[in-house]
């Protein structure tokens, strides 16, 4: 990062990189955390790994970190619970605050807010054990995407092509969440938009298009194969690119995200209309991850990206009250 020196590194103090955790995405978080830790250390920052899945909040407090970089994904790291503890401890942290993380982690509540703001997202239904599944098929049509609303990294997701398969798909997702999300399937191009900053200063990075084998961007194809193709910047006309970026920033702001995040978008093939799918408030930082890819398209290295994010760490709740 231009102008970043040893004095800047020292000013950041002792930095904890929170990784691992207890969610279904633990393995991805370990990869993210190790990458972030190495990047910060390469810049002369006093960075230390801290596995929240193996160590306690009391131990975290005892480390006396001046700030922390949250490289956790999923529950107990991306859902607002850890952010609340850090607010209580007075430790500045990267990414969004308690409420934004809690909402962003719940795909159903995220969609509710987007719809209230007039932002486009696929039609959906919430499923539980008593839902009339035939009615859901009649309402939304086929195919459907069925997913647990509190998981990421494509955990528990099924594409349902026949109504008779919906029950089995529900049961897979219900293994992760009591309430399950069924969403109309949008045929088209898969895009993702990294966003940095907060409020009026939030900005979109170049759009990434994802082309997975047979259109199946699952856990394996996200992290462990080289078969998925990525195009950054995505080959879109100027008007479509501008509209997708605008919607992504609006979606990010709608739930009060800050620091950094990633908004997933589907571009419908029939008319090039974009649909918002979900927001990630603690995106992956692995070698296959998309936020670093988007940053590289602007000439921002992985190391400089990590520095920009950790420099934005702050407490979000109003100070000096009570």
Protein backbone atom coordinates (compact mmCIF):
# COMPACT_ATOMS: atom_id res chain seq x y z
CA UNK A 1 0.00 0.00 0.00
CA UNK A 2 1.41 3.31 -1.07
CA UNK A 3 2.78 5.26 1.87
CA UNK A 4 2.33 2.46 4.43
CA UNK A 5 5.48 2.21 6.56
CA UNK A 6 6.81 0.78 9.81
CA UNK A 7 5.36 3.70 11.75
CA UNK A 8 1.90 2.99 10.34
CA UNK A 9 2.28 -0.68 11.23
CA UNK A 10 3.30 0.18 14.78
CA UNK A 11 0.32 2.54 15.13
CA UNK A 12 -2.05 -0.38 14.53
CA UNK A 13 -0.71 -2.03 17.67
CA UNK A 14 -1.18 -5.68 18.50
CA UNK A 15 -3.61 -7.19 15.97
CA UNK A 16 -5.55 -10.39 16.53
CA UNK A 17 -6.64 -12.41 13.51
CA UNK A 18 -9.77 -14.25 14.63
CA UNK A 19 -10.23 -17.44 12.65
CA UNK A 20 -11.38 -21.06 12.83
CA UNK A 21 -14.46 -20.87 14.99
CA UNK A 22 -17.22 -23.44 15.41
CA UNK A 23 -19.35 -23.06 12.29
CA UNK A 24 -19.73 -25.44 9.37
CA UNK A 25 -17.29 -23.15 7.54
CA UNK A 26 -14.43 -23.69 9.99
CA UNK A 27 -12.07 -25.16 7.37
CA UNK A 28 -12.57 -22.19 5.05
CA UNK A 29 -12.02 -19.77 7.94
CA UNK A 30 -8.73 -21.46 8.81
CA UNK A 31 -7.55 -20.88 5.24
CA UNK A 32 -8.73 -17.25 5.34
CA UNK A 33 -7.13 -16.58 8.71
CA UNK A 34 -3.77 -18.02 7.77
CA UNK A 35 -3.72 -15.93 4.61
CA UNK A 36 -4.63 -12.71 6.41
CA UNK A 37 -2.12 -13.36 9.20
CA UNK A 38 0.73 -13.89 6.73
CA UNK A 39 -0.28 -10.80 4.76
CA UNK A 40 -0.33 -8.54 7.82
CA UNK A 41 2.96 -9.88 9.09
CA UNK A 42 4.52 -9.24 5.66
CA UNK A 43 3.66 -5.57 6.18
CA UNK A 44 5.40 -5.47 9.54
CA UNK A 45 2.18 -5.58 11.56
CA UNK A 46 2.27 -7.31 14.95
CA UNK A 47 -0.41 -9.88 14.00
CA UNK A 48 -1.36 -12.99 16.00
CA UNK A 49 -3.71 -15.87 15.13
CA UNK A 50 -6.53 -16.57 17.59
CA UNK A 51 -8.83 -19.57 17.04
CA UNK A 52 -12.22 -18.74 18.55
CA UNK A 53 -13.26 -22.37 18.21
CA UNK A 54 -10.56 -23.50 20.63
CA UNK A 55 -10.10 -20.50 22.92
CA UNK A 56 -12.52 -18.58 25.12
CA UNK A 57 -13.73 -15.00 25.17
CA UNK A 58 -11.89 -14.60 28.49
CA UNK A 59 -8.70 -15.68 26.75
CA UNK A 60 -9.41 -13.19 23.97
CA UNK A 61 -9.74 -10.39 26.51
CA UNK A 62 -6.47 -11.44 28.14
CA UNK A 63 -4.57 -11.05 24.85
CA UNK A 64 -4.99 -7.26 25.03
CA UNK A 65 -5.34 -6.86 21.29
CA UNK A 66 -5.53 -3.27 20.11
CA UNK A 67 -7.78 -4.36 17.23
CA UNK A 68 -8.87 -7.57 15.55
CA UNK A 69 -9.37 -8.74 11.97
CA UNK A 70 -12.39 -11.04 11.82
CA UNK A 71 -11.62 -13.87 9.37
CA UNK A 72 -14.48 -16.02 10.62
CA UNK A 73 -17.33 -17.26 8.43
CA UNK A 74 -20.75 -18.41 9.51
CA UNK A 75 -22.23 -18.77 12.97
CA UNK A 76 -20.47 -17.40 16.04
CA UNK A 77 -18.27 -15.16 13.92
CA UNK A 78 -20.28 -13.57 11.13
CA UNK A 79 -23.68 -13.45 12.84
CA UNK A 80 -23.24 -10.56 15.28
CA UNK A 81 -22.62 -12.64 18.41
CA UNK A 82 -18.85 -12.16 18.40
CA UNK A 83 -19.24 -8.54 17.36
CA UNK A 84 -21.36 -7.95 20.47
CA UNK A 85 -18.69 -9.48 22.67
CA UNK A 86 -16.02 -7.28 21.08
CA UNK A 87 -18.16 -4.21 21.71
CA UNK A 88 -18.42 -5.23 25.38
CA UNK A 89 -14.67 -5.77 25.56
CA UNK A 90 -13.95 -2.46 23.80
CA UNK A 91 -11.82 -4.10 21.07
CA UNK A 92 -12.14 -2.42 17.65
CA UNK A 93 -12.93 -4.95 14.92
CA UNK A 94 -13.15 -5.18 11.15
CA UNK A 95 -16.34 -5.43 9.16
CA UNK A 96 -19.94 -4.73 10.01
CA UNK A 97 -21.52 -4.18 13.41
CA UNK A 98 -23.81 -6.37 15.47
CA UNK A 99 -27.11 -5.63 13.71
CA UNK A 100 -25.78 -5.69 10.15
CA UNK A 101 -24.02 -9.01 10.78
CA UNK A 102 -27.12 -10.55 12.37
CA UNK A 103 -29.33 -9.48 9.46
CA UNK A 104 -26.80 -10.36 6.77
CA UNK A 105 -26.42 -13.83 8.26
CA UNK A 106 -30.15 -14.44 7.85
CA UNK A 107 -30.99 -14.63 4.16
CA UNK A 108 -34.73 -14.37 4.84
CA UNK A 109 -34.51 -11.16 6.88
CA UNK A 110 -32.06 -9.74 4.37
CA UNK A 111 -34.58 -10.33 1.58
CA UNK A 112 -37.34 -8.71 3.65
CA UNK A 113 -35.30 -5.53 4.03
CA UNK A 114 -34.27 -5.46 0.39
CA UNK A 115 -37.88 -5.85 -0.70
CA UNK A 116 -38.96 -3.04 1.64
CA UNK A 117 -36.29 -0.86 -0.02
CA UNK A 118 -37.57 -1.80 -3.49
CA UNK A 119 -34.46 -3.80 -4.36
CA UNK A 120 -34.87 -6.82 -6.67
CA UNK A 121 -34.45 -10.30 -5.19
CA UNK A 122 -35.99 -13.63 -6.25
CA UNK A 123 -39.41 -14.58 -4.86
CA UNK A 124 -39.23 -16.91 -1.90
CA UNK A 125 -41.03 -18.88 0.78
CA UNK A 126 -40.03 -19.84 4.34
CA UNK A 127 -40.42 -23.57 5.02
CA UNK A 128 -40.86 -25.45 8.27
CA UNK A 129 -42.01 -28.96 9.16
CA UNK A 130 -45.68 -27.99 8.71
CA UNK A 131 -45.41 -26.20 5.35
CA UNK A 132 -47.58 -27.37 2.46
CA UNK A 133 -44.78 -28.07 0.00
CA UNK A 134 -47.14 -28.55 -2.94
CA UNK A 135 -48.43 -25.03 -2.34
CA UNK A 136 -44.86 -23.69 -2.39
CA UNK A 137 -44.27 -25.31 -5.78
CA UNK A 138 -47.54 -23.85 -7.06
CA UNK A 139 -46.56 -20.41 -5.78
CA UNK A 140 -42.94 -20.25 -6.91
CA UNK A 141 -42.78 -22.74 -9.78
CA UNK A 142 -39.86 -24.99 -10.66
CA UNK A 143 -36.95 -25.27 -10.45
CA UNK A 144 -36.33 -24.01 -6.91
CA UNK A 145 -33.25 -23.42 -4.82
CA UNK A 146 -33.60 -24.68 -1.25
CA UNK A 147 -31.06 -23.56 1.34
CA UNK A 148 -30.52 -23.02 5.08
CA UNK A 149 -30.78 -19.23 5.61
CA UNK A 150 -27.95 -19.05 8.17
CA UNK A 151 -25.20 -20.92 6.30
CA UNK A 152 -22.70 -19.89 3.66
CA UNK A 153 -20.18 -21.56 1.36
CA UNK A 154 -23.07 -23.40 -0.38
CA UNK A 155 -23.71 -25.55 2.70
CA UNK A 156 -26.98 -27.53 2.55
CA UNK A 157 -28.13 -26.14 -0.81
CA UNK A 158 -30.21 -28.23 -3.26
CA UNK A 159 -31.59 -27.38 -6.69
CA UNK A 160 -35.09 -28.87 -6.91
CA UNK A 161 -36.28 -29.73 -10.41
CA UNK A 162 -39.32 -31.83 -9.50
CA UNK A 163 -41.94 -31.19 -6.83
CA UNK A 164 -41.45 -34.70 -5.49
CA UNK A 165 -37.85 -33.79 -4.57
CA UNK A 166 -38.72 -30.77 -2.43
CA UNK A 167 -39.23 -32.73 0.80
CA UNK A 168 -35.77 -34.31 0.59
CA UNK A 169 -34.21 -30.91 -0.17
CA UNK A 170 -36.03 -29.40 2.80
CA UNK A 171 -34.69 -32.16 5.07
CA UNK A 172 -31.10 -31.51 3.93
CA UNK A 173 -31.38 -27.79 4.70
CA UNK A 174 -33.27 -28.47 7.95
CA UNK A 175 -30.18 -30.29 9.16
CA UNK A 176 -28.62 -26.82 9.45
CA UNK A 177 -31.61 -24.56 10.24
CA UNK A 178 -35.07 -24.94 11.74
CA UNK A 179 -36.53 -22.58 9.12
CA UNK A 180 -35.55 -23.20 5.50
CA UNK A 181 -35.52 -20.84 2.52
CA UNK A 182 -37.03 -21.86 -0.82
CA UNK A 183 -36.28 -19.43 -3.63
CA UNK A 184 -37.33 -19.25 -7.25
CA UNK A 185 -34.49 -20.26 -9.54
CA UNK A 186 -33.16 -17.49 -11.74
CA UNK A 187 -31.47 -18.77 -14.90
CA UNK A 188 -28.61 -16.54 -15.88
CA UNK A 189 -25.10 -15.35 -15.13
CA UNK A 190 -23.64 -15.57 -11.65
CA UNK A 191 -21.95 -12.37 -10.47
CA UNK A 192 -20.47 -11.12 -7.24
CA UNK A 193 -19.56 -7.60 -6.17
CA UNK A 194 -17.08 -6.76 -3.43
CA UNK A 195 -17.84 -3.54 -1.56
CA UNK A 196 -15.43 -1.57 0.63
CA UNK A 197 -16.10 1.32 3.00
CA UNK A 198 -19.21 2.55 4.77
CA UNK A 199 -22.10 4.89 4.25
CA UNK A 200 -21.73 7.39 1.43
CA UNK A 201 -18.10 6.31 0.97
CA UNK A 202 -18.96 2.66 0.23
CA UNK A 203 -17.65 1.69 -3.20
CA UNK A 204 -17.94 -1.35 -5.43
CA UNK A 205 -14.87 -3.13 -6.75
CA UNK A 206 -14.84 -4.62 -10.26
CA UNK A 207 -17.57 -7.23 -10.77
CA UNK A 208 -16.58 -10.89 -10.88
CA UNK A 209 -18.44 -13.40 -13.04
CA UNK A 210 -18.37 -17.03 -11.89
CA UNK A 211 -18.69 -19.86 -14.41
CA UNK A 212 -18.79 -23.17 -12.56
CA UNK A 213 -18.81 -26.68 -14.10
CA UNK A 214 -22.40 -27.46 -15.12
CA UNK A 215 -23.43 -24.25 -13.33
CA UNK A 216 -22.77 -25.90 -9.97
CA UNK A 217 -20.86 -23.44 -7.77
CA UNK A 218 -20.80 -25.74 -4.74
CA UNK A 219 -18.38 -26.06 -1.81
CA UNK A 220 -15.92 -28.20 -3.78
CA UNK A 221 -15.93 -25.92 -6.81
CA UNK A 222 -15.55 -22.83 -4.61
CA UNK A 223 -12.48 -23.87 -2.67
CA UNK A 224 -10.80 -27.02 -3.88
CA UNK A 225 -10.81 -27.27 -7.68
CA UNK A 226 -9.50 -25.22 -10.54
CA UNK A 227 -12.42 -26.08 -12.82
CA UNK A 228 -14.47 -22.99 -11.96
CA UNK A 229 -13.68 -20.01 -14.19
CA UNK A 230 -13.67 -16.42 -12.98
CA UNK A 231 -13.81 -13.30 -15.14
CA UNK A 232 -12.88 -9.99 -13.56
CA UNK A 233 -13.95 -7.49 -14.61
CA UNK A 234 -17.03 -9.35 -15.83
CA UNK A 235 -17.73 -8.86 -19.52
CA UNK A 236 -20.84 -6.69 -19.25
CA UNK A 237 -21.96 -3.64 -21.17
CA UNK A 238 -21.36 -0.36 -19.36
CA UNK A 239 -25.00 0.21 -18.42
CA UNK A 240 -25.46 -3.29 -16.96
CA UNK A 241 -22.16 -3.09 -15.09
CA UNK A 242 -23.10 0.27 -13.58
CA UNK A 243 -26.55 -0.99 -12.55
CA UNK A 244 -25.20 -4.18 -10.92
CA UNK A 245 -22.59 -2.17 -9.00
CA UNK A 246 -25.21 0.37 -7.91
CA UNK A 247 -27.57 -2.32 -6.67
CA UNK A 248 -24.77 -4.08 -4.79
CA UNK A 249 -23.81 -0.89 -2.95
CA UNK A 250 -27.48 -0.14 -2.19
CA UNK A 251 -27.97 -3.69 -0.87
CA UNK A 252 -24.86 -3.32 1.31
CA UNK A 253 -26.01 0.03 2.67
CA UNK A 254 -29.59 -1.19 3.20
CA UNK A 255 -28.51 -3.40 6.10
CA UNK A 256 -25.84 -0.92 7.27
CA UNK A 257 -22.77 -2.95 6.32
CA UNK A 258 -19.34 -1.39 6.65
CA UNK A 259 -15.66 -2.12 6.27
CA UNK A 260 -16.03 -4.71 3.58
CA UNK A 261 -18.49 -7.23 2.24
CA UNK A 262 -19.58 -9.09 -0.86
CA UNK A 263 -22.97 -9.06 -2.57
CA UNK A 264 -23.98 -11.98 -4.79
CA UNK A 265 -26.12 -11.22 -7.84
CA UNK A 266 -27.81 -13.24 -10.59
CA UNK A 267 -28.25 -11.62 -14.00
CA UNK A 268 -31.35 -13.15 -15.59
CA UNK A 269 -30.60 -14.48 -19.07
CA UNK A 270 -33.96 -13.54 -20.58
CA UNK A 271 -33.72 -9.79 -19.99
CA UNK A 272 -30.41 -9.01 -18.22
CA UNK A 273 -32.28 -8.02 -15.05
CA UNK A 274 -30.12 -8.32 -11.90
CA UNK A 275 -31.44 -10.06 -8.77
CA UNK A 276 -29.79 -9.78 -5.36
CA UNK A 277 -29.14 -13.15 -3.71
CA UNK A 278 -27.26 -12.54 -0.47
CA UNK A 279 -24.70 -10.37 1.29
CA UNK A 280 -21.60 -11.71 3.01
CA UNK A 281 -20.37 -9.53 5.88
CA UNK A 282 -17.16 -11.54 6.38
CA UNK A 283 -16.20 -12.84 2.94
CA UNK A 284 -13.60 -15.50 2.28
CA UNK A 285 -9.94 -14.50 2.07
CA UNK A 286 -8.53 -17.76 0.68
CA UNK A 287 -6.45 -18.18 -2.48
CA UNK A 288 -9.71 -18.86 -4.37
CA UNK A 289 -11.68 -16.01 -2.78
CA UNK A 290 -13.42 -13.34 -4.78
CA UNK A 291 -12.83 -10.11 -2.86
CA UNK A 292 -9.03 -10.36 -3.30
CA UNK A 293 -9.62 -11.16 -6.98
CA UNK A 294 -11.71 -8.02 -7.43
CA UNK A 295 -9.10 -5.92 -5.60
CA UNK A 296 -6.33 -7.26 -7.85
CA UNK A 297 -8.28 -6.01 -10.88
CA UNK A 298 -7.76 -2.50 -9.48
CA UNK A 299 -4.09 -3.14 -8.77
CA UNK A 300 -4.65 -3.67 -5.02
CA UNK A 301 -2.55 -6.57 -3.75
CA UNK A 302 -3.84 -9.13 -1.27
CA UNK A 303 -1.51 -7.70 1.37
CA UNK A 304 -2.63 -4.12 0.77
CA UNK A 305 -6.28 -5.19 0.87
CA UNK A 306 -5.74 -6.80 4.28
CA UNK A 307 -4.08 -3.62 5.53
CA UNK A 308 -6.94 -1.42 4.25
CA UNK A 309 -9.47 -3.63 6.02
CA UNK A 310 -7.60 -3.82 9.33
CA UNK A 311 -7.07 -0.05 9.35
CA UNK A 312 -10.86 0.38 9.18
CA UNK A 313 -11.40 -1.60 12.41
CA UNK A 314 -13.51 0.32 14.91
CA UNK A 315 -16.17 0.00 17.58
CA UNK A 316 -19.57 0.64 16.01
CA UNK A 317 -21.82 1.34 19.00
CA UNK A 318 -22.13 4.90 20.30
CA UNK A 319 -19.42 5.59 22.83
CA UNK A 320 -19.67 7.53 26.06
CA UNK A 321 -23.31 6.67 26.76
CA UNK A 322 -24.81 4.98 29.77
